[in-house]
PDB file of N, CA and C in Angstrom:
ATOM      1  N   UNK A   1      12.883   7.070  12.408  1.00  0.00           N
ATOM      2  CA  UNK A   1      11.882   7.383  13.476  1.00  0.00           C
ATOM      3  C   UNK A   1      11.910   6.414  14.570  1.00  0.00           C
ATOM      4  N   UNK A   2      12.144   6.798  15.754  1.00  0.00           N
ATOM      5  CA  UNK A   2      12.387   5.811  16.794  1.00  0.00           C
ATOM      6  C   UNK A   2      10.824   5.060  16.962  1.00  0.00           C
ATOM      7  N   UNK A   3      11.312   3.724  17.199  1.00  0.00           N
ATOM      8  CA  UNK A   3      10.158   2.954  17.482  1.00  0.00           C
ATOM      9  C   UNK A   3       9.430   2.308  16.029  1.00  0.00           C
ATOM     10  N   UNK A   4       9.825   2.975  14.927  1.00  0.00           N
ATOM     11  CA  UNK A   4       9.191   2.504  13.689  1.00  0.00           C
ATOM     12  C   UNK A   4       9.997   1.224  13.171  1.00  0.00           C
ATOM     13  N   UNK A   5       9.221   0.072  12.984  1.00  0.00           N
ATOM     14  CA  UNK A   5       9.841  -0.870  12.177  1.00  0.00           C
ATOM     15  C   UNK A   5       9.306  -0.924  10.726  1.00  0.00           C
ATOM     16  N   UNK A   6      10.270  -0.834   9.688  1.00  0.00           N
ATOM     17  CA  UNK A   6       9.847  -0.965   8.327  1.00  0.00           C
ATOM     18  C   UNK A   6       9.899  -2.462   7.751  1.00  0.00           C
ATOM     19  N   UNK A   7       8.717  -2.706   7.187  1.00  0.00           N
ATOM     20  CA  UNK A   7       8.439  -3.927   6.604  1.00  0.00           C
ATOM     21  C   UNK A   7       8.319  -3.844   5.143  1.00  0.00           C
ATOM     22  N   UNK A   8       9.239  -4.253   4.208  1.00  0.00           N
ATOM     23  CA  UNK A   8       9.238  -3.976   2.810  1.00  0.00           C
ATOM     24  C   UNK A   8       8.394  -5.287   2.142  1.00  0.00           C
ATOM     25  N   UNK A   9       7.550  -5.017   1.314  1.00  0.00           N
ATOM     26  CA  UNK A   9       6.814  -6.103   0.561  1.00  0.00           C
ATOM     27  C   UNK A   9       7.756  -6.735  -0.498  1.00  0.00           C
ATOM     28  N   UNK A  10       7.763  -7.778  -0.801  1.00  0.00           N
ATOM     29  CA  UNK A  10       8.621  -8.460  -1.924  1.00  0.00           C
ATOM     30  C   UNK A  10       8.306  -7.756  -3.155  1.00  0.00           C
ATOM     31  N   UNK A  11       9.463  -6.998  -3.635  1.00  0.00           N
ATOM     32  CA  UNK A  11       9.242  -6.238  -5.023  1.00  0.00           C
ATOM     33  C   UNK A  11       9.045  -7.298  -6.180  1.00  0.00           C
ATOM     34  N   UNK A  12       9.321  -8.341  -5.922  1.00  0.00           N
ATOM     35  CA  UNK A  12       9.240  -9.492  -7.052  1.00  0.00           C
ATOM     36  C   UNK A  12       7.730  -9.524  -7.382  1.00  0.00           C
ATOM     37  N   UNK A  13       6.819  -9.046  -6.633  1.00  0.00           N
ATOM     38  CA  UNK A  13       5.296  -9.085  -6.962  1.00  0.00           C
ATOM     39  C   UNK A  13       4.995  -8.004  -8.013  1.00  0.00           C
ATOM     40  N   UNK A  14       5.840  -7.023  -8.080  1.00  0.00           N
ATOM     41  CA  UNK A  14       5.764  -5.992  -9.012  1.00  0.00           C
ATOM     42  C   UNK A  14       4.568  -4.871  -8.742  1.00  0.00           C
ATOM     43  N   UNK A  15       3.963  -4.502  -9.665  1.00  0.00           N
ATOM     44  CA  UNK A  15       2.932  -3.360  -9.681  1.00  0.00           C
ATOM     45  C   UNK A  15       1.676  -3.936  -8.865  1.00  0.00           C
ATOM     46  N   UNK A  16       1.118  -2.796  -8.123  1.00  0.00           N
ATOM     47  CA  UNK A  16      -0.163  -3.030  -7.368  1.00  0.00           C
ATOM     48  C   UNK A  16      -1.442  -3.325  -8.180  1.00  0.00           C
ATOM     49  N   UNK A  17      -1.369  -3.048  -9.377  1.00  0.00           N
ATOM     50  CA  UNK A  17      -2.375  -3.366 -10.390  1.00  0.00           C
ATOM     51  C   UNK A  17      -3.135  -1.988 -10.753  1.00  0.00           C
ATOM     52  N   UNK A  18      -2.854  -0.882 -10.062  1.00  0.00           N
ATOM     53  CA  UNK A  18      -3.483   0.340 -10.402  1.00  0.00           C
ATOM     54  C   UNK A  18      -3.089   0.839 -11.876  1.00  0.00           C
ATOM     55  N   UNK A  19      -1.734   0.633 -12.067  1.00  0.00           N
ATOM     56  CA  UNK A  19      -1.136   0.817 -13.459  1.00  0.00           C
ATOM     57  C   UNK A  19      -1.812   1.965 -14.194  1.00  0.00           C
ATOM     58  N   UNK A  20      -1.771   3.191 -13.743  1.00  0.00           N
ATOM     59  CA  UNK A  20      -2.452   4.367 -14.483  1.00  0.00           C
ATOM     60  C   UNK A  20      -3.822   4.156 -14.138  1.00  0.00           C
ATOM     61  N   UNK A  21      -4.737   3.912 -15.250  1.00  0.00           N
ATOM     62  CA  UNK A  21      -6.027   3.775 -15.136  1.00  0.00           C
ATOM     63  C   UNK A  21      -6.571   2.434 -15.279  1.00  0.00           C
ATOM     64  N   UNK A  22      -5.697   1.439 -15.280  1.00  0.00           N
ATOM     65  CA  UNK A  22      -6.056  -0.012 -15.341  1.00  0.00           C
ATOM     66  C   UNK A  22      -7.026  -0.348 -14.244  1.00  0.00           C
ATOM     67  N   UNK A  23      -6.949   0.245 -13.061  1.00  0.00           N
ATOM     68  CA  UNK A  23      -7.872  -0.297 -12.009  1.00  0.00           C
ATOM     69  C   UNK A  23      -9.335   0.246 -12.366  1.00  0.00           C
ATOM     70  N   UNK A  24      -9.469   1.284 -13.300  1.00  0.00           N
ATOM     71  CA  UNK A  24     -10.682   1.649 -13.855  1.00  0.00           C
ATOM     72  C   UNK A  24     -11.340   0.920 -14.914  1.00  0.00           C
ATOM     73  N   UNK A  25     -10.194   0.808 -15.947  1.00  0.00           N
ATOM     74  CA  UNK A  25     -10.745   0.092 -17.179  1.00  0.00           C
ATOM     75  C   UNK A  25     -10.754  -1.373 -17.073  1.00  0.00           C
ATOM     76  N   UNK A  26      -9.877  -2.061 -16.275  1.00  0.00           N
ATOM     77  CA  UNK A  26     -10.025  -3.413 -16.139  1.00  0.00           C
ATOM     78  C   UNK A  26      -9.604  -3.915 -14.595  1.00  0.00           C
ATOM     79  N   UNK A  27     -10.893  -3.648 -13.867  1.00  0.00           N
ATOM     80  CA  UNK A  27     -10.665  -3.864 -12.521  1.00  0.00           C
ATOM     81  C   UNK A  27     -10.469  -5.350 -12.064  1.00  0.00           C
ATOM     82  N   UNK A  28     -10.843  -6.170 -12.942  1.00  0.00           N
ATOM     83  CA  UNK A  28     -10.610  -7.695 -12.543  1.00  0.00           C
ATOM     84  C   UNK A  28      -9.074  -7.965 -12.624  1.00  0.00           C
ATOM     85  N   UNK A  29      -8.477  -7.398 -13.764  1.00  0.00           N
ATOM     86  CA  UNK A  29      -7.047  -7.652 -13.925  1.00  0.00           C
ATOM     87  C   UNK A  29      -6.273  -6.926 -12.626  1.00  0.00           C
ATOM     88  N   UNK A  30      -6.703  -5.849 -12.575  1.00  0.00           N
ATOM     89  CA  UNK A  30      -6.066  -4.968 -11.410  1.00  0.00           C
ATOM     90  C   UNK A  30      -6.172  -5.547 -10.186  1.00  0.00           C
ATOM     91  N   UNK A  31      -7.296  -6.080  -9.837  1.00  0.00           N
ATOM     92  CA  UNK A  31      -7.441  -6.809  -8.541  1.00  0.00           C
ATOM     93  C   UNK A  31      -6.567  -7.924  -8.484  1.00  0.00           C
ATOM     94  N   UNK A  32      -6.355  -8.711  -9.451  1.00  0.00           N
ATOM     95  CA  UNK A  32      -5.546  -9.792  -9.676  1.00  0.00           C
ATOM     96  C   UNK A  32      -3.951  -9.427  -9.420  1.00  0.00           C
ATOM     97  N   UNK A  33      -3.524  -8.314  -9.575  1.00  0.00           N
ATOM     98  CA  UNK A  33      -2.151  -7.824  -9.242  1.00  0.00           C
ATOM     99  C   UNK A  33      -2.173  -7.547  -7.748  1.00  0.00           C
ATOM    100  N   UNK A  34      -3.390  -6.892  -7.291  1.00  0.00           N
ATOM    101  CA  UNK A  34      -3.498  -6.274  -5.904  1.00  0.00           C
ATOM    102  C   UNK A  34      -3.371  -7.468  -4.737  1.00  0.00           C
ATOM    103  N   UNK A  35      -4.145  -8.457  -4.984  1.00  0.00           N
ATOM    104  CA  UNK A  35      -4.472  -9.262  -4.080  1.00  0.00           C
ATOM    105  C   UNK A  35      -3.285 -10.070  -3.451  1.00  0.00           C
ATOM    106  N   UNK A  36      -2.187 -10.418  -4.295  1.00  0.00           N
ATOM    107  CA  UNK A  36      -1.111 -11.186  -3.648  1.00  0.00           C
ATOM    108  C   UNK A  36      -0.322 -10.204  -2.643  1.00  0.00           C
ATOM    109  N   UNK A  37      -0.340  -8.824  -3.098  1.00  0.00           N
ATOM    110  CA  UNK A  37       0.462  -7.648  -2.311  1.00  0.00           C
ATOM    111  C   UNK A  37      -0.370  -7.524  -0.982  1.00  0.00           C
ATOM    112  N   UNK A  38      -1.748  -7.725  -0.982  1.00  0.00           N
ATOM    113  CA  UNK A  38      -2.527  -7.555   0.190  1.00  0.00           C
ATOM    114  C   UNK A  38      -2.283  -8.640   1.107  1.00  0.00           C
ATOM    115  N   UNK A  39      -2.344  -9.816   0.502  1.00  0.00           N
ATOM    116  CA  UNK A  39      -2.031 -11.101   1.304  1.00  0.00           C
ATOM    117  C   UNK A  39      -0.738 -10.908   2.033  1.00  0.00           C
ATOM    118  N   UNK A  40       0.384 -10.629   1.270  1.00  0.00           N
ATOM    119  CA  UNK A  40       1.678 -10.407   1.901  1.00  0.00           C
ATOM    120  C   UNK A  40       1.786  -9.287   2.870  1.00  0.00           C
ATOM    121  N   UNK A  41       0.923  -8.212   2.665  1.00  0.00           N
ATOM    122  CA  UNK A  41       0.927  -7.133   3.845  1.00  0.00           C
ATOM    123  C   UNK A  41       0.116  -7.640   4.902  1.00  0.00           C
ATOM    124  N   UNK A  42      -0.944  -8.468   4.801  1.00  0.00           N
ATOM    125  CA  UNK A  42      -1.541  -8.933   6.072  1.00  0.00           C
ATOM    126  C   UNK A  42      -0.834  -9.941   6.739  1.00  0.00           C
ATOM    127  N   UNK A  43      -0.148 -10.800   5.991  1.00  0.00           N
ATOM    128  CA  UNK A  43       0.715 -11.786   6.517  1.00  0.00           C
ATOM    129  C   UNK A  43       1.866 -11.367   7.388  1.00  0.00           C
ATOM    130  N   UNK A  44       2.366 -10.034   7.002  1.00  0.00           N
ATOM    131  CA  UNK A  44       3.585  -9.441   7.624  1.00  0.00           C
ATOM    132  C   UNK A  44       3.267  -8.793   8.918  1.00  0.00           C
ATOM    133  N   UNK A  45       2.027  -8.591   9.250  1.00  0.00           N
ATOM    134  CA  UNK A  45       1.540  -8.153  10.499  1.00  0.00           C
ATOM    135  C   UNK A  45       1.716  -6.484  10.644  1.00  0.00           C
ATOM    136  N   UNK A  46       2.029  -6.020   9.486  1.00  0.00           N
ATOM    137  CA  UNK A  46       2.093  -4.479   9.427  1.00  0.00           C
ATOM    138  C   UNK A  46       0.796  -3.871   9.928  1.00  0.00           C
ATOM    139  N   UNK A  47       0.920  -2.446  10.431  1.00  0.00           N
ATOM    140  CA  UNK A  47      -0.303  -1.910  10.867  1.00  0.00           C
ATOM    141  C   UNK A  47      -0.569  -0.924   9.956  1.00  0.00           C
ATOM    142  N   UNK A  48       0.160  -0.531   9.030  1.00  0.00           N
ATOM    143  CA  UNK A  48      -0.148   0.533   7.998  1.00  0.00           C
ATOM    144  C   UNK A  48       0.570   0.162   6.722  1.00  0.00           C
ATOM    145  N   UNK A  49       0.181   0.820   5.572  1.00  0.00           N
ATOM    146  CA  UNK A  49       0.853   0.775   4.284  1.00  0.00           C
ATOM    147  C   UNK A  49       1.103   2.060   3.784  1.00  0.00           C
ATOM    148  N   UNK A  50       2.258   2.481   3.497  1.00  0.00           N
ATOM    149  CA  UNK A  50       2.930   3.642   3.053  1.00  0.00           C
ATOM    150  C   UNK A  50       3.144   3.517   1.464  1.00  0.00           C
ATOM    151  N   UNK A  51       2.669   4.507   0.757  1.00  0.00           N
ATOM    152  CA  UNK A  51       2.972   4.550  -0.736  1.00  0.00           C
ATOM    153  C   UNK A  51       2.898   6.086  -1.170  1.00  0.00           C
ATOM    154  N   UNK A  52       4.003   6.552  -1.822  1.00  0.00           N
ATOM    155  CA  UNK A  52       3.965   7.940  -2.352  1.00  0.00           C
ATOM    156  C   UNK A  52       3.077   8.103  -3.632  1.00  0.00           C
ATOM    157  N   UNK A  53       2.572   7.038  -4.007  1.00  0.00           N
ATOM    158  CA  UNK A  53       1.881   7.133  -5.299  1.00  0.00           C
ATOM    159  C   UNK A  53       0.356   7.164  -5.103  1.00  0.00           C
ATOM    160  N   UNK A  54      -0.345   8.244  -5.576  1.00  0.00           N
ATOM    161  CA  UNK A  54      -1.674   8.317  -5.239  1.00  0.00           C
ATOM    162  C   UNK A  54      -2.646   7.336  -6.032  1.00  0.00           C
ATOM    163  N   UNK A  55      -2.149   6.762  -7.248  1.00  0.00           N
ATOM    164  CA  UNK A  55      -2.937   5.642  -7.852  1.00  0.00           C
ATOM    165  C   UNK A  55      -2.804   4.286  -6.953  1.00  0.00           C
ATOM    166  N   UNK A  56      -1.811   4.283  -6.467  1.00  0.00           N
ATOM    167  CA  UNK A  56      -1.335   2.878  -5.587  1.00  0.00           C
ATOM    168  C   UNK A  56      -2.204   3.066  -4.367  1.00  0.00           C
ATOM    169  N   UNK A  57      -2.249   4.107  -3.560  1.00  0.00           N
ATOM    170  CA  UNK A  57      -2.896   4.389  -2.538  1.00  0.00           C
ATOM    171  C   UNK A  57      -4.425   4.192  -2.683  1.00  0.00           C
ATOM    172  N   UNK A  58      -4.980   4.691  -3.702  1.00  0.00           N
ATOM    173  CA  UNK A  58      -6.410   4.478  -3.920  1.00  0.00           C
ATOM    174  C   UNK A  58      -6.614   3.100  -4.113  1.00  0.00           C
ATOM    175  N   UNK A  59      -5.877   2.246  -4.926  1.00  0.00           N
ATOM    176  CA  UNK A  59      -6.062   1.047  -5.402  1.00  0.00           C
ATOM    177  C   UNK A  59      -5.825   0.119  -4.073  1.00  0.00           C
ATOM    178  N   UNK A  60      -4.948   0.434  -3.260  1.00  0.00           N
ATOM    179  CA  UNK A  60      -4.661  -0.454  -2.098  1.00  0.00           C
ATOM    180  C   UNK A  60      -5.563  -0.133  -0.804  1.00  0.00           C
ATOM    181  N   UNK A  61      -6.373   0.867  -1.094  1.00  0.00           N
ATOM    182  CA  UNK A  61      -7.432   1.034  -0.019  1.00  0.00           C
ATOM    183  C   UNK A  61      -8.201  -0.181   0.563  1.00  0.00           C
ATOM    184  N   UNK A  62      -8.166  -1.007  -0.243  1.00  0.00           N
ATOM    185  CA  UNK A  62      -8.869  -2.476   0.150  1.00  0.00           C
ATOM    186  C   UNK A  62      -8.293  -3.215   1.132  1.00  0.00           C
ATOM    187  N   UNK A  63      -7.149  -2.538   1.624  1.00  0.00           N
ATOM    188  CA  UNK A  63      -6.271  -3.248   2.778  1.00  0.00           C
ATOM    189  C   UNK A  63      -6.919  -3.038   4.071  1.00  0.00           C
ATOM    190  N   UNK A  64      -6.744  -3.928   5.011  1.00  0.00           N
ATOM    191  CA  UNK A  64      -7.401  -3.924   6.233  1.00  0.00           C
ATOM    192  C   UNK A  64      -6.588  -2.923   7.073  1.00  0.00           C
ATOM    193  N   UNK A  65      -5.734  -2.332   6.666  1.00  0.00           N
ATOM    194  CA  UNK A  65      -4.852  -1.322   7.495  1.00  0.00           C
ATOM    195  C   UNK A  65      -5.087   0.089   6.793  1.00  0.00           C
ATOM    196  N   UNK A  66      -4.666   1.178   7.491  1.00  0.00           N
ATOM    197  CA  UNK A  66      -4.686   2.469   6.856  1.00  0.00           C
ATOM    198  C   UNK A  66      -3.639   2.598   5.904  1.00  0.00           C
ATOM    199  N   UNK A  67      -4.016   3.051   4.700  1.00  0.00           N
ATOM    200  CA  UNK A  67      -2.931   3.493   3.732  1.00  0.00           C
ATOM    201  C   UNK A  67      -2.660   4.916   3.502  1.00  0.00           C
ATOM    202  N   UNK A  68      -1.484   5.111   3.602  1.00  0.00           N
ATOM    203  CA  UNK A  68      -1.190   6.664   3.834  1.00  0.00           C
ATOM    204  C   UNK A  68       0.072   6.982   2.825  1.00  0.00           C
ATOM    205  N   UNK A  69       0.262   8.251   2.527  1.00  0.00           N
ATOM    206  CA  UNK A  69       1.554   8.815   2.025  1.00  0.00           C
ATOM    207  C   UNK A  69       2.464   8.928   3.221  1.00  0.00           C
ATOM    208  N   UNK A  70       3.846   8.788   2.946  1.00  0.00           N
ATOM    209  CA  UNK A  70       4.795   8.618   3.826  1.00  0.00           C
ATOM    210  C   UNK A  70       4.874   9.824   4.729  1.00  0.00           C
ATOM    211  N   UNK A  71       4.486  11.064   3.925  1.00  0.00           N
ATOM    212  CA  UNK A  71       4.578  12.365   4.779  1.00  0.00           C
ATOM    213  C   UNK A  71       3.367  12.518   5.699  1.00  0.00           C
ATOM    214  N   UNK A  72       2.431  11.689   5.586  1.00  0.00           N
ATOM    215  CA  UNK A  72       1.233  11.588   6.654  1.00  0.00           C
ATOM    216  C   UNK A  72       1.851  11.012   7.930  1.00  0.00           C
ATOM    217  N   UNK A  73       2.545   9.948   7.757  1.00  0.00           N
ATOM    218  CA  UNK A  73       3.004   9.334   8.833  1.00  0.00           C
ATOM    219  C   UNK A  73       4.084  10.275   9.539  1.00  0.00           C
ATOM    220  N   UNK A  74       4.902  10.945   8.749  1.00  0.00           N
ATOM    221  CA  UNK A  74       5.915  11.776   9.396  1.00  0.00           C
ATOM    222  C   UNK A  74       5.226  13.018  10.170  1.00  0.00           C
ATOM    223  N   UNK A  75       4.030  13.409   9.550  1.00  0.00           N
ATOM    224  CA  UNK A  75       3.333  14.404  10.187  1.00  0.00           C
ATOM    225  C   UNK A  75       2.573  14.028  11.566  1.00  0.00           C
ATOM    226  N   UNK A  76       2.270  12.783  11.580  1.00  0.00           N
ATOM    227  CA  UNK A  76       1.750  12.225  12.776  1.00  0.00           C
ATOM    228  C   UNK A  76       2.796  12.018  13.872  1.00  0.00           C
ATOM    229  N   UNK A  77       3.890  11.584  13.237  1.00  0.00           N
ATOM    230  CA  UNK A  77       4.974  11.386  14.381  1.00  0.00           C
ATOM    231  C   UNK A  77       5.521  12.718  14.940  1.00  0.00           C
ATOM    232  N   UNK A  78       5.445  13.861  14.292  1.00  0.00           N
ATOM    233  CA  UNK A  78       5.999  15.157  14.531  1.00  0.00           C
ATOM    234  C   UNK A  78       5.033  15.982  15.536  1.00  0.00           C
ATOM    235  N   UNK A  79       3.812  15.627  15.634  1.00  0.00           N
ATOM    236  CA  UNK A  79       2.685  16.304  16.323  1.00  0.00           C
ATOM    237  C   UNK A  79       3.019  16.115  17.892  1.00  0.00           C
ATOM    238  N   UNK A  80       3.039  17.286  18.430  1.00  0.00           N
ATOM    239  CA  UNK A  80       3.468  17.232  19.969  1.00  0.00           C
ATOM    240  C   UNK A  80       2.524  16.393  20.760  1.00  0.00           C
TER     241      UNK A  80
END
C-alpha cells in the first residue's frame, strides 16, 4: 500500500498473553506477557496495531492505538 510503513514488533517477545483463554483465566500472567509488547508498540511510534488473531486483538485492545484485523486496514485504504 502506498504510504504505508510497516513496523514489526520483536518476535522474541513471543505470545501477547491471550493464549487461548489465559487472558480470562489468569489475567495477571496474561498482562505480564502483553505489557512488553505494548511498550514496544508505543516506543515504535506506530499509529495502529494489526493482528489477524481475534484473541490477540481483544487482549491488545489496551493499546493506545487502534487494534485492527489487516483486512480492516485494506478496506479503509480501498474506499474511494
